[in-house]
Amino acid sequence: MAMVFVTQTGTRYHASTDMRCLENASGTLAVPLETAVAGGLLPCITCDAPAVPESTEGDRQWLRAIDDWARAGVFESFWEQAFARRVLASTPGISSDDVEPQCYISVGTETYKVDFSVAKAGLVIEVDGYAKDGVPLTASDVERRNRRDAALQTRGLTVLHFSNAQVQQEPLACRAQIAAAVAAKVAIAPTYIAQP
């Protein structure tokens, strides 16, 4: 039985207690890997903790990408990071290489910043609910968002919006909607046949 190390307040389990990622920990506890996973903890990428049992390389790639994005300060809200972990990382048809967080897209003379872009599917994903400073969206915020969505759609992009509540309570429904949008775009992508 593999043993890993956890702290009182952390969200990850670790391979060893003498790693840089645990330098500031006030104490660690050795637990079986299965116990850490059952408790909802994820493997630490820094100390190369053992993978979640039955995880794939794609799962581990998503964990590394989301951790890199978080360390780089890419996410503008807690909900964007939660969306990446709870929804995108488990959505069939896309990998972390397909997704660009906080992407800028130009339409005519305007440039718009979107939460997530899946270029191969012409898909833009927004996580909504509150303005970035934690204040509820105003009517002018919604109007500005609708104008931006219309501009992006003129460029042939599909724009999907998910509320914070959907991220928290309906991740499977969010995944299904994204997977359907990806499948629809990929299915109608032009195929070029070489002429003899």
C-alpha atoms as a PDB file:
ATOM      1  CA  MET A   1       0.000   0.000   0.000  1.00  0.00           C
ATOM      2  CA  ALA A   2       1.510   3.317  -1.129  1.00  0.00           C
ATOM      3  CA  MET A   3       1.789   5.977   1.563  1.00  0.00           C
ATOM      4  CA  VAL A   4       1.664   9.718   0.851  1.00  0.00           C
ATOM      5  CA  PHE A   5       1.937  12.789   3.040  1.00  0.00           C
ATOM      6  CA  VAL A   6      -0.730  15.404   3.711  1.00  0.00           C
ATOM      7  CA  THR A   7      -0.977  18.595   5.740  1.00  0.00           C
ATOM      8  CA  GLN A   8      -3.841  19.952   7.844  1.00  0.00           C
ATOM      9  CA  THR A   9      -4.907  22.568   5.303  1.00  0.00           C
ATOM     10  CA  GLY A  10      -3.515  21.491   1.928  1.00  0.00           C
ATOM     11  CA  THR A  11      -5.448  20.308  -1.098  1.00  0.00           C
ATOM     12  CA  ARG A  12      -2.674  18.039  -2.396  1.00  0.00           C
ATOM     13  CA  TYR A  13      -0.851  14.934  -1.235  1.00  0.00           C
ATOM     14  CA  HIS A  14       2.930  14.634  -1.409  1.00  0.00           C
ATOM     15  CA  ALA A  15       5.523  11.962  -2.168  1.00  0.00           C
ATOM     16  CA  SER A  16       7.878  12.822   0.675  1.00  0.00           C
ATOM     17  CA  THR A  17       8.233  15.175   3.650  1.00  0.00           C
ATOM     18  CA  ASP A  18      11.641  16.533   2.646  1.00  0.00           C
ATOM     19  CA  MET A  19      10.489  18.287  -0.530  1.00  0.00           C
ATOM     20  CA  ARG A  20      10.508  22.003  -1.290  1.00  0.00           C
ATOM     21  CA  CYS A  21       6.710  22.027  -1.556  1.00  0.00           C
ATOM     22  CA  LEU A  22       6.429  21.185   2.172  1.00  0.00           C
ATOM     23  CA  GLU A  23       9.096  23.575   3.517  1.00  0.00           C
ATOM     24  CA  ASN A  24       6.521  25.803   5.225  1.00  0.00           C
ATOM     25  CA  ALA A  25       4.196  23.045   6.414  1.00  0.00           C
ATOM     26  CA  SER A  26       3.598  23.027  10.155  1.00  0.00           C
ATOM     27  CA  GLY A  27       3.259  19.261  10.184  1.00  0.00           C
ATOM     28  CA  THR A  28       2.502  16.323   7.943  1.00  0.00           C
ATOM     29  CA  LEU A  29       0.655  13.074   8.331  1.00  0.00           C
ATOM     30  CA  ALA A  30       1.372   9.835   6.443  1.00  0.00           C
ATOM     31  CA  VAL A  31      -1.796   8.299   4.969  1.00  0.00           C
ATOM     32  CA  PRO A  32      -2.520   5.599   2.371  1.00  0.00           C
ATOM     33  CA  LEU A  33      -2.784   6.963  -1.184  1.00  0.00           C
ATOM     34  CA  GLU A  34      -6.354   5.676  -1.437  1.00  0.00           C
ATOM     35  CA  THR A  35      -7.337   7.642   1.691  1.00  0.00           C
ATOM     36  CA  ALA A  36      -5.890  10.880   0.288  1.00  0.00           C
ATOM     37  CA  VAL A  37      -7.710  10.379  -3.017  1.00  0.00           C
ATOM     38  CA  ALA A  38     -10.994   9.481  -1.279  1.00  0.00           C
ATOM     39  CA  GLY A  39     -10.640  12.732   0.681  1.00  0.00           C
ATOM     40  CA  GLY A  40     -10.576  14.711  -2.564  1.00  0.00           C
ATOM     41  CA  LEU A  41      -6.852  15.538  -2.519  1.00  0.00           C
ATOM     42  CA  LEU A  42      -4.905  15.801  -5.776  1.00  0.00           C
ATOM     43  CA  PRO A  43      -1.273  14.801  -6.371  1.00  0.00           C
ATOM     44  CA  CYS A  44       1.390  17.464  -5.877  1.00  0.00           C
ATOM     45  CA  ILE A  45       3.041  18.207  -9.212  1.00  0.00           C
ATOM     46  CA  THR A  46       6.137  19.774  -7.605  1.00  0.00           C
ATOM     47  CA  CYS A  47       7.272  16.648  -5.772  1.00  0.00           C
ATOM     48  CA  ASP A  48       5.959  14.230  -8.403  1.00  0.00           C
ATOM     49  CA  ALA A  49       3.565  12.464  -6.036  1.00  0.00           C
ATOM     50  CA  PRO A  50       2.099   9.195  -7.275  1.00  0.00           C
ATOM     51  CA  ALA A  51      -0.796   9.624  -9.680  1.00  0.00           C
ATOM     52  CA  VAL A  52      -4.383   9.100  -8.671  1.00  0.00           C
ATOM     53  CA  PRO A  53      -5.093   5.387  -9.160  1.00  0.00           C
ATOM     54  CA  GLU A  54      -6.564   4.711 -12.594  1.00  0.00           C
ATOM     55  CA  SER A  55      -5.648   8.193 -13.850  1.00  0.00           C
ATOM     56  CA  THR A  56      -4.420   8.547 -17.402  1.00  0.00           C
ATOM     57  CA  GLU A  57      -1.563  10.572 -18.806  1.00  0.00           C
ATOM     58  CA  GLY A  58      -4.226  12.965 -20.113  1.00  0.00           C
ATOM     59  CA  ASP A  59      -5.517  13.444 -16.542  1.00  0.00           C
ATOM     60  CA  ARG A  60      -1.997  14.169 -15.311  1.00  0.00           C
ATOM     61  CA  GLN A  61      -1.396  16.543 -18.233  1.00  0.00           C
ATOM     62  CA  TRP A  62      -4.528  18.500 -17.276  1.00  0.00           C
ATOM     63  CA  LEU A  63      -3.386  18.711 -13.624  1.00  0.00           C
ATOM     64  CA  ARG A  64       0.015  20.037 -14.688  1.00  0.00           C
ATOM     65  CA  ALA A  65      -1.520  22.581 -17.078  1.00  0.00           C
ATOM     66  CA  ILE A  66      -4.016  23.889 -14.515  1.00  0.00           C
ATOM     67  CA  ASP A  67      -1.284  24.147 -11.872  1.00  0.00           C
ATOM     68  CA  ASP A  68       0.939  26.027 -14.346  1.00  0.00           C
ATOM     69  CA  TRP A  69      -1.905  28.415 -15.218  1.00  0.00           C
ATOM     70  CA  ALA A  70      -2.627  28.998 -11.516  1.00  0.00           C
ATOM     71  CA  ARG A  71       1.046  29.628 -10.672  1.00  0.00           C
ATOM     72  CA  ALA A  72       1.288  32.079 -13.578  1.00  0.00           C
ATOM     73  CA  GLY A  73      -1.730  33.982 -12.234  1.00  0.00           C
ATOM     74  CA  VAL A  74      -3.767  33.333 -15.383  1.00  0.00           C
ATOM     75  CA  PHE A  75      -7.099  32.781 -13.654  1.00  0.00           C
ATOM     76  CA  GLU A  76      -8.970  35.963 -12.814  1.00  0.00           C
ATOM     77  CA  SER A  77     -11.335  34.292 -10.364  1.00  0.00           C
ATOM     78  CA  PHE A  78     -11.699  31.225  -8.185  1.00  0.00           C
ATOM     79  CA  TRP A  79     -14.539  30.074 -10.450  1.00  0.00           C
ATOM     80  CA  GLU A  80     -12.358  30.009 -13.571  1.00  0.00           C
ATOM     81  CA  GLN A  81      -9.882  27.694 -11.865  1.00  0.00           C
ATOM     82  CA  ALA A  82     -12.726  25.555 -10.485  1.00  0.00           C
ATOM     83  CA  PHE A  83     -14.200  25.386 -14.000  1.00  0.00           C
ATOM     84  CA  ALA A  84     -10.876  24.187 -15.443  1.00  0.00           C
ATOM     85  CA  ARG A  85     -10.616  21.466 -12.781  1.00  0.00           C
ATOM     86  CA  ARG A  86     -14.253  20.375 -12.495  1.00  0.00           C
ATOM     87  CA  VAL A  87     -15.366  20.734 -16.109  1.00  0.00           C
ATOM     88  CA  LEU A  88     -12.668  21.176 -18.759  1.00  0.00           C
ATOM     89  CA  ALA A  89     -10.267  18.546 -17.406  1.00  0.00           C
ATOM     90  CA  SER A  90     -12.960  15.876 -17.777  1.00  0.00           C
ATOM     91  CA  THR A  91     -14.570  16.992 -21.036  1.00  0.00           C
ATOM     92  CA  PRO A  92     -14.222  14.429 -23.825  1.00  0.00           C
ATOM     93  CA  GLY A  93     -12.778  15.657 -27.110  1.00  0.00           C
ATOM     94  CA  ILE A  94     -10.378  18.270 -25.735  1.00  0.00           C
ATOM     95  CA  SER A  95      -6.990  18.190 -24.058  1.00  0.00           C
ATOM     96  CA  SER A  96      -5.170  20.888 -22.135  1.00  0.00           C
ATOM     97  CA  ASP A  97      -3.198  21.593 -25.332  1.00  0.00           C
ATOM     98  CA  ASP A  98      -6.476  22.569 -27.055  1.00  0.00           C
ATOM     99  CA  VAL A  99      -7.440  25.161 -24.434  1.00  0.00           C
ATOM    100  CA  GLU A 100      -6.058  28.658 -24.059  1.00  0.00           C
ATOM    101  CA  PRO A 101      -7.142  30.497 -20.906  1.00  0.00           C
ATOM    102  CA  GLN A 102      -7.516  34.291 -20.896  1.00  0.00           C
ATOM    103  CA  CYS A 103      -7.202  34.517 -24.652  1.00  0.00           C
ATOM    104  CA  TYR A 104      -7.418  37.701 -26.753  1.00  0.00           C
ATOM    105  CA  ILE A 105      -9.461  37.516 -29.954  1.00  0.00           C
ATOM    106  CA  SER A 106      -9.596  40.321 -32.521  1.00  0.00           C
ATOM    107  CA  VAL A 107     -12.740  41.074 -34.494  1.00  0.00           C
ATOM    108  CA  GLY A 108     -12.365  43.999 -36.857  1.00  0.00           C
ATOM    109  CA  THR A 109     -10.862  46.867 -34.887  1.00  0.00           C
ATOM    110  CA  GLU A 110     -11.878  45.446 -31.505  1.00  0.00           C
ATOM    111  CA  THR A 111      -9.984  42.964 -29.323  1.00  0.00           C
ATOM    112  CA  TYR A 112     -11.860  40.903 -26.760  1.00  0.00           C
ATOM    113  CA  LYS A 113     -10.536  38.943 -23.802  1.00  0.00           C
ATOM    114  CA  VAL A 114     -12.284  35.628 -23.183  1.00  0.00           C
ATOM    115  CA  ASP A 115     -11.978  33.208 -20.258  1.00  0.00           C
ATOM    116  CA  PHE A 116     -11.183  30.129 -22.382  1.00  0.00           C
ATOM    117  CA  SER A 117     -10.718  29.483 -26.085  1.00  0.00           C
ATOM    118  CA  VAL A 118     -10.791  26.094 -27.814  1.00  0.00           C
ATOM    119  CA  ALA A 119      -9.469  27.142 -31.230  1.00  0.00           C
ATOM    120  CA  LYS A 120      -9.807  23.735 -32.926  1.00  0.00           C
ATOM    121  CA  ALA A 121     -13.563  23.889 -32.327  1.00  0.00           C
ATOM    122  CA  GLY A 122     -14.028  27.645 -32.799  1.00  0.00           C
ATOM    123  CA  LEU A 123     -15.308  27.754 -29.244  1.00  0.00           C
ATOM    124  CA  VAL A 124     -15.207  30.515 -26.634  1.00  0.00           C
ATOM    125  CA  ILE A 125     -16.166  29.699 -23.037  1.00  0.00           C
ATOM    126  CA  GLU A 126     -17.070  32.241 -20.376  1.00  0.00           C
ATOM    127  CA  VAL A 127     -17.562  31.633 -16.654  1.00  0.00           C
ATOM    128  CA  ASP A 128     -20.115  34.181 -15.452  1.00  0.00           C
ATOM    129  CA  GLY A 129     -21.800  35.243 -12.295  1.00  0.00           C
ATOM    130  CA  TYR A 130     -19.874  38.171 -10.944  1.00  0.00           C
ATOM    131  CA  ALA A 131     -17.615  40.864 -12.261  1.00  0.00           C
ATOM    132  CA  LYS A 132     -13.936  40.118 -11.683  1.00  0.00           C
ATOM    133  CA  ASP A 133     -13.934  42.215  -8.497  1.00  0.00           C
ATOM    134  CA  GLY A 134     -16.657  40.048  -6.914  1.00  0.00           C
ATOM    135  CA  VAL A 135     -19.499  42.514  -7.501  1.00  0.00           C
ATOM    136  CA  PRO A 136     -22.665  41.254  -9.282  1.00  0.00           C
ATOM    137  CA  LEU A 137     -22.870  42.105 -12.984  1.00  0.00           C
ATOM    138  CA  THR A 138     -24.685  45.329 -13.802  1.00  0.00           C
ATOM    139  CA  ALA A 139     -27.039  45.892 -16.731  1.00  0.00           C
ATOM    140  CA  SER A 140     -24.226  47.676 -18.606  1.00  0.00           C
ATOM    141  CA  ASP A 141     -21.904  44.685 -17.953  1.00  0.00           C
ATOM    142  CA  VAL A 142     -24.499  42.370 -19.480  1.00  0.00           C
ATOM    143  CA  GLU A 143     -25.034  44.710 -22.451  1.00  0.00           C
ATOM    144  CA  ARG A 144     -21.266  44.899 -23.067  1.00  0.00           C
ATOM    145  CA  ARG A 145     -21.038  41.095 -22.819  1.00  0.00           C
ATOM    146  CA  ASN A 146     -23.871  40.654 -25.337  1.00  0.00           C
ATOM    147  CA  ARG A 147     -22.207  43.042 -27.826  1.00  0.00           C
ATOM    148  CA  ARG A 148     -18.926  41.143 -27.452  1.00  0.00           C
ATOM    149  CA  ASP A 149     -20.673  37.781 -27.956  1.00  0.00           C
ATOM    150  CA  ALA A 150     -22.369  39.054 -31.123  1.00  0.00           C
ATOM    151  CA  ALA A 151     -19.024  40.272 -32.495  1.00  0.00           C
ATOM    152  CA  LEU A 152     -17.341  36.936 -31.740  1.00  0.00           C
ATOM    153  CA  GLN A 153     -20.216  35.075 -33.403  1.00  0.00           C
ATOM    154  CA  THR A 154     -19.783  37.139 -36.588  1.00  0.00           C
ATOM    155  CA  ARG A 155     -16.322  35.624 -36.718  1.00  0.00           C
ATOM    156  CA  GLY A 156     -17.884  32.140 -36.712  1.00  0.00           C
ATOM    157  CA  LEU A 157     -17.151  31.384 -33.062  1.00  0.00           C
ATOM    158  CA  THR A 158     -19.567  29.602 -30.741  1.00  0.00           C
ATOM    159  CA  VAL A 159     -19.820  31.326 -27.352  1.00  0.00           C
ATOM    160  CA  LEU A 160     -20.906  29.322 -24.294  1.00  0.00           C
ATOM    161  CA  HIS A 161     -21.618  30.863 -20.896  1.00  0.00           C
ATOM    162  CA  PHE A 162     -21.659  28.945 -17.611  1.00  0.00           C
ATOM    163  CA  SER A 163     -22.683  30.397 -14.259  1.00  0.00           C
ATOM    164  CA  ASN A 164     -20.745  29.890 -11.052  1.00  0.00           C
ATOM    165  CA  ALA A 165     -23.684  27.798  -9.803  1.00  0.00           C
ATOM    166  CA  GLN A 166     -23.437  25.512 -12.856  1.00  0.00           C
ATOM    167  CA  VAL A 167     -19.716  25.027 -12.258  1.00  0.00           C
ATOM    168  CA  GLN A 168     -20.421  24.030  -8.671  1.00  0.00           C
ATOM    169  CA  GLN A 169     -23.633  22.039  -9.040  1.00  0.00           C
ATOM    170  CA  GLU A 170     -23.808  20.800 -12.648  1.00  0.00           C
ATOM    171  CA  PRO A 171     -20.307  19.967 -13.932  1.00  0.00           C
ATOM    172  CA  LEU A 172     -21.583  16.957 -15.918  1.00  0.00           C
ATOM    173  CA  ALA A 173     -24.120  19.100 -17.792  1.00  0.00           C
ATOM    174  CA  CYS A 174     -21.403  21.690 -18.526  1.00  0.00           C
ATOM    175  CA  ARG A 175     -19.108  18.960 -19.888  1.00  0.00           C
ATOM    176  CA  ALA A 176     -21.871  17.557 -22.065  1.00  0.00           C
ATOM    177  CA  GLN A 177     -22.640  20.967 -23.578  1.00  0.00           C
ATOM    178  CA  ILE A 178     -18.965  21.642 -24.360  1.00  0.00           C
ATOM    179  CA  ALA A 179     -18.414  18.136 -25.762  1.00  0.00           C
ATOM    180  CA  ALA A 180     -21.448  18.557 -28.042  1.00  0.00           C
ATOM    181  CA  ALA A 181     -20.190  21.942 -29.284  1.00  0.00           C
ATOM    182  CA  VAL A 182     -16.716  20.510 -29.951  1.00  0.00           C
ATOM    183  CA  ALA A 183     -18.120  17.446 -31.734  1.00  0.00           C
ATOM    184  CA  ALA A 184     -20.420  19.596 -33.887  1.00  0.00           C
ATOM    185  CA  LYS A 185     -17.607  21.915 -34.995  1.00  0.00           C
ATOM    186  CA  VAL A 186     -15.115  19.110 -35.609  1.00  0.00           C
ATOM    187  CA  ALA A 187     -17.722  17.101 -37.567  1.00  0.00           C
ATOM    188  CA  ILE A 188     -18.412  19.959 -40.005  1.00  0.00           C
ATOM    189  CA  ALA A 189     -14.772  20.952 -40.426  1.00  0.00           C
ATOM    190  CA  PRO A 190     -13.904  20.882 -44.130  1.00  0.00           C
ATOM    191  CA  THR A 191     -12.026  17.867 -45.423  1.00  0.00           C
ATOM    192  CA  TYR A 192      -9.687  18.452 -48.288  1.00  0.00           C
ATOM    193  CA  ILE A 193      -9.222  15.660 -50.801  1.00  0.00           C
ATOM    194  CA  ALA A 194      -6.147  15.784 -52.998  1.00  0.00           C
ATOM    195  CA  GLN A 195      -7.054  16.020 -56.660  1.00  0.00           C
ATOM    196  CA  PRO A 196      -5.368  13.463 -58.937  1.00  0.00           C
END
